[in-house]
Amino acid sequence: MRVHVIHAHPVETSFNRALFDAVVDELTRKGHEVDALNLYDAGFDAVLSREERLNYHDVPGNLTPLVKPYVDRLVAAEALVFVHPVWNYGYPAILKGYFDRIFLPGVSFVLEGGVDRGRLVPNFKNIKKVAFVTTYGGNRWRTMVMGDPPRRLARRWAWVTFGTRNPPKYLALYDLNNCTPDGLLQFLARVRRAMSDF
C-alpha cells in the first residue's frame, strides 16, 4: 500500500520526530511503499496567500506550481499517517496551513451545483486508511475539559473528509512533559504495533 506520512515538528531531536521515524520505519519494514514528508524540512509555507484565496475555487487553476507537488503526493497515496504534536489544543500552524493550502476544491472535495449553491462532496476516493499519531503537553483530564479538539477533528472531520470505511486511528500520548522514559518507550512500542497492523 502507498502510505503518505506527513510530519509537523521543527525539532529533529524531539520525541515527536522519533515517532515519525518509527512510523516510517515500521511501515517500510512491513512492505508498504512509504512517501515521507517532513513539512519543516521541506520548507512548506503554511500561509495561504491572497492570490491563492482569490483563486481557491478555480479548478484546476487553483493547483499552482507551489501546491501541485504536494497535491500530487496526496492523491497518489492509498493511506495517510499524520504525526504531529498538539499545541494550544490544536494543530501546529504548519499542519493547519497544509490543510488550508493543499485540501483544495477539486482535491479533497467538489462542489456539486457550483460555488454559490453547491453541495460539498468528499473527493478522496484513493484513501483507504488514515491514522494520527500525536503528543499533548496537557494531561488527559485537562484536555477533555477543553473538548480535545484535535481528537474530535480526527475522528469526525477527517473521517468525513477521507471517506474511509472506519474512522481514523488516533494514537495519542497525553502529558508528554511528565512522562517517564519508560512511558515514552511504551507509547513508541504502541505506535510501532499499530503501524505493523496498518
Protein backbone atom coordinates (compact mmCIF):
# COMPACT_ATOMS: atom_id res chain seq x y z
CA MET A 1 0.00 0.00 0.00
CA ARG A 2 1.23 3.52 -0.76
CA VAL A 3 1.33 5.39 2.56
CA HIS A 4 1.98 9.13 2.73
CA VAL A 5 3.37 10.05 6.16
CA ILE A 6 3.17 13.75 6.99
CA HIS A 7 5.15 15.14 9.91
CA ALA A 8 4.86 18.54 11.60
CA HIS A 9 7.51 19.22 14.25
CA PRO A 10 10.50 21.57 13.87
CA VAL A 11 12.98 19.84 16.20
CA GLU A 12 14.90 16.85 14.87
CA THR A 13 15.75 15.61 18.39
CA SER A 14 12.15 15.71 19.64
CA PHE A 15 10.15 12.69 20.75
CA ASN A 16 7.69 13.58 18.01
CA ARG A 17 10.45 13.15 15.43
CA ALA A 18 11.24 9.76 16.97
CA LEU A 19 7.57 8.84 16.45
CA PHE A 20 7.75 9.94 12.81
CA ASP A 21 10.90 7.87 12.28
CA ALA A 22 9.26 4.85 13.94
CA VAL A 23 6.15 5.16 11.76
CA VAL A 24 8.20 5.37 8.56
CA ASP A 25 10.49 2.53 9.68
CA GLU A 26 7.68 0.17 10.68
CA LEU A 27 5.58 0.80 7.57
CA THR A 28 8.64 0.27 5.36
CA ARG A 29 9.53 -2.91 7.27
CA LYS A 30 6.02 -4.26 6.61
CA GLY A 31 6.49 -3.75 2.86
CA HIS A 32 4.46 -0.59 2.31
CA GLU A 33 5.61 2.00 -0.21
CA VAL A 34 6.22 4.99 2.06
CA ASP A 35 6.31 8.62 0.94
CA ALA A 36 7.58 10.54 3.98
CA LEU A 37 7.06 14.31 4.11
CA ASN A 38 8.51 16.42 6.89
CA LEU A 39 6.80 19.79 6.41
CA TYR A 40 9.56 21.72 8.18
CA ASP A 41 12.40 20.04 6.30
CA ALA A 42 10.53 20.66 3.05
CA GLY A 43 10.25 24.37 3.87
CA PHE A 44 6.48 24.24 3.48
CA ASP A 45 4.91 27.71 3.58
CA ALA A 46 1.80 27.49 5.73
CA VAL A 47 0.46 30.90 4.73
CA LEU A 48 -2.45 30.92 2.29
CA SER A 49 -1.69 33.87 0.02
CA ARG A 50 -4.19 36.46 -1.20
CA GLU A 51 -3.87 35.11 -4.74
CA GLU A 52 -4.46 31.54 -3.59
CA ARG A 53 -7.60 32.57 -1.73
CA LEU A 54 -8.93 34.58 -4.68
CA ASN A 55 -8.38 31.55 -6.97
CA TYR A 56 -9.43 28.97 -4.37
CA HIS A 57 -12.50 27.76 -6.30
CA ASP A 58 -10.84 27.96 -9.73
CA VAL A 59 -10.48 24.24 -10.51
CA PRO A 60 -7.91 23.26 -11.77
CA GLY A 61 -6.34 26.74 -11.78
CA ASN A 62 -6.02 26.55 -8.00
CA LEU A 63 -3.26 23.98 -8.45
CA THR A 64 -0.40 26.48 -8.55
CA PRO A 65 3.21 25.38 -9.08
CA LEU A 66 3.74 25.82 -5.33
CA VAL A 67 0.95 23.49 -4.20
CA LYS A 68 0.76 20.97 -7.06
CA PRO A 69 3.73 18.81 -5.93
CA TYR A 70 2.08 18.36 -2.51
CA VAL A 71 -1.29 17.61 -4.10
CA ASP A 72 0.31 15.04 -6.42
CA ARG A 73 1.80 13.20 -3.44
CA LEU A 74 -1.51 13.30 -1.60
CA VAL A 75 -3.61 11.95 -4.44
CA ALA A 76 -1.05 9.20 -5.18
CA ALA A 77 -1.47 7.79 -1.66
CA GLU A 78 -3.72 4.95 -0.57
CA ALA A 79 -3.29 5.69 3.13
CA LEU A 80 -2.20 8.63 5.27
CA VAL A 81 -0.48 8.96 8.63
CA PHE A 82 -0.15 12.37 10.29
CA VAL A 83 2.49 12.67 13.01
CA HIS A 84 2.33 15.92 14.96
CA PRO A 85 2.25 17.50 18.40
CA VAL A 86 -0.82 19.21 19.80
CA TRP A 87 -0.08 22.84 20.64
CA ASN A 88 -2.65 25.08 22.32
CA TYR A 89 -5.24 22.33 21.81
CA GLY A 90 -4.80 22.43 18.06
CA TYR A 91 -2.61 21.52 15.13
CA PRO A 92 0.78 23.19 14.68
CA ALA A 93 0.40 26.16 12.33
CA ILE A 94 2.36 24.43 9.58
CA LEU A 95 -0.03 21.46 9.57
CA LYS A 96 -3.11 23.69 9.66
CA GLY A 97 -1.60 25.62 6.75
CA TYR A 98 -1.05 22.33 4.90
CA PHE A 99 -4.74 21.51 5.23
CA ASP A 100 -5.73 25.05 4.19
CA ARG A 101 -3.46 25.20 1.14
CA ILE A 102 -3.48 21.59 -0.12
CA PHE A 103 -7.00 20.34 0.67
CA LEU A 104 -8.47 22.34 -2.20
CA PRO A 105 -11.69 22.19 -4.17
CA GLY A 106 -11.16 19.53 -6.80
CA VAL A 107 -8.71 17.75 -4.50
CA SER A 108 -10.33 16.98 -1.15
CA PHE A 109 -13.87 17.93 -2.17
CA VAL A 110 -16.03 19.08 -5.04
CA LEU A 111 -18.96 21.46 -5.01
CA GLU A 112 -21.81 19.86 -6.92
CA GLY A 113 -24.01 22.59 -8.33
CA GLY A 114 -21.41 25.35 -8.26
CA VAL A 115 -19.68 27.60 -5.75
CA ASP A 116 -22.70 29.64 -4.62
CA ARG A 117 -25.19 26.83 -4.02
CA GLY A 118 -23.05 23.78 -4.29
CA ARG A 119 -23.22 20.74 -2.08
CA LEU A 120 -19.83 19.75 -0.71
CA VAL A 121 -18.95 16.18 -1.68
CA PRO A 122 -15.77 14.48 -0.37
CA ASN A 123 -13.39 13.64 -3.19
CA PHE A 124 -10.67 11.41 -1.72
CA LYS A 125 -11.53 8.18 -3.49
CA ASN A 126 -7.96 6.93 -3.18
CA ILE A 127 -7.58 6.95 0.62
CA LYS A 128 -8.42 3.67 2.38
CA LYS A 129 -6.90 4.23 5.84
CA VAL A 130 -5.89 7.21 7.97
CA ALA A 131 -4.04 7.46 11.27
CA PHE A 132 -2.98 10.31 13.55
CA VAL A 133 -0.01 9.90 15.90
CA THR A 134 0.23 12.77 18.31
CA THR A 135 1.56 14.07 21.62
CA TYR A 136 -0.01 16.50 24.08
CA GLY A 137 1.66 18.64 26.71
CA GLY A 138 -1.60 18.69 28.67
CA ASN A 139 -2.91 15.75 30.60
CA ARG A 140 -5.97 13.79 29.50
CA TRP A 141 -8.35 15.31 32.05
CA ARG A 142 -7.48 18.93 31.23
CA THR A 143 -7.63 18.14 27.53
CA MET A 144 -11.06 16.54 27.90
CA VAL A 145 -12.31 19.65 29.72
CA MET A 146 -11.20 21.67 26.69
CA GLY A 147 -13.09 19.24 24.41
CA ASP A 148 -9.93 17.69 22.89
CA PRO A 149 -10.38 19.46 19.52
CA PRO A 150 -7.61 17.54 17.67
CA ARG A 151 -9.16 14.16 18.57
CA ARG A 152 -12.61 15.38 17.55
CA LEU A 153 -11.27 16.72 14.25
CA ALA A 154 -9.52 13.45 13.51
CA ARG A 155 -12.50 11.28 14.42
CA ARG A 156 -15.14 13.47 12.72
CA TRP A 157 -13.74 15.91 10.15
CA ALA A 158 -11.05 13.54 8.89
CA TRP A 159 -13.45 10.59 8.72
CA VAL A 160 -15.87 12.58 6.55
CA THR A 161 -13.08 14.20 4.51
CA PHE A 162 -11.34 10.95 3.64
CA GLY A 163 -14.48 8.83 3.46
CA THR A 164 -12.80 5.72 4.83
CA ARG A 165 -14.84 2.75 5.99
CA ASN A 166 -13.52 3.06 9.54
CA PRO A 167 -12.73 6.24 11.47
CA PRO A 168 -9.08 7.30 11.53
CA LYS A 169 -6.91 5.56 14.10
CA TYR A 170 -5.94 8.06 16.80
CA LEU A 171 -2.84 7.32 18.85
CA ALA A 172 -2.24 9.99 21.47
CA LEU A 173 0.24 10.39 24.29
CA TYR A 174 -1.06 12.86 26.87
CA ASP A 175 1.00 14.73 29.47
CA LEU A 176 4.22 14.32 27.49
CA ASN A 177 6.16 16.72 29.71
CA ASN A 178 5.60 14.50 32.75
CA CYS A 179 6.00 11.16 31.02
CA THR A 180 8.72 8.81 32.27
CA PRO A 181 11.33 7.36 29.89
CA ASP A 182 9.57 4.01 30.27
CA GLY A 183 6.24 5.64 29.39
CA LEU A 184 7.77 7.12 26.22
CA LEU A 185 9.11 3.72 25.21
CA GLN A 186 5.74 2.11 25.83
CA PHE A 187 3.99 4.64 23.60
CA LEU A 188 6.64 4.22 20.91
CA ALA A 189 6.04 0.45 21.04
CA ARG A 190 2.28 1.01 20.80
CA VAL A 191 2.78 3.14 17.68
CA ARG A 192 5.02 0.51 16.12
CA ARG A 193 2.40 -2.20 16.77
CA ALA A 194 -0.31 -0.05 15.22
CA MET A 195 1.81 0.60 12.12
CA SER A 196 2.70 -3.08 11.88
CA ASP A 197 -1.03 -3.84 11.63
CA PHE A 198 -1.89 -0.80 9.48
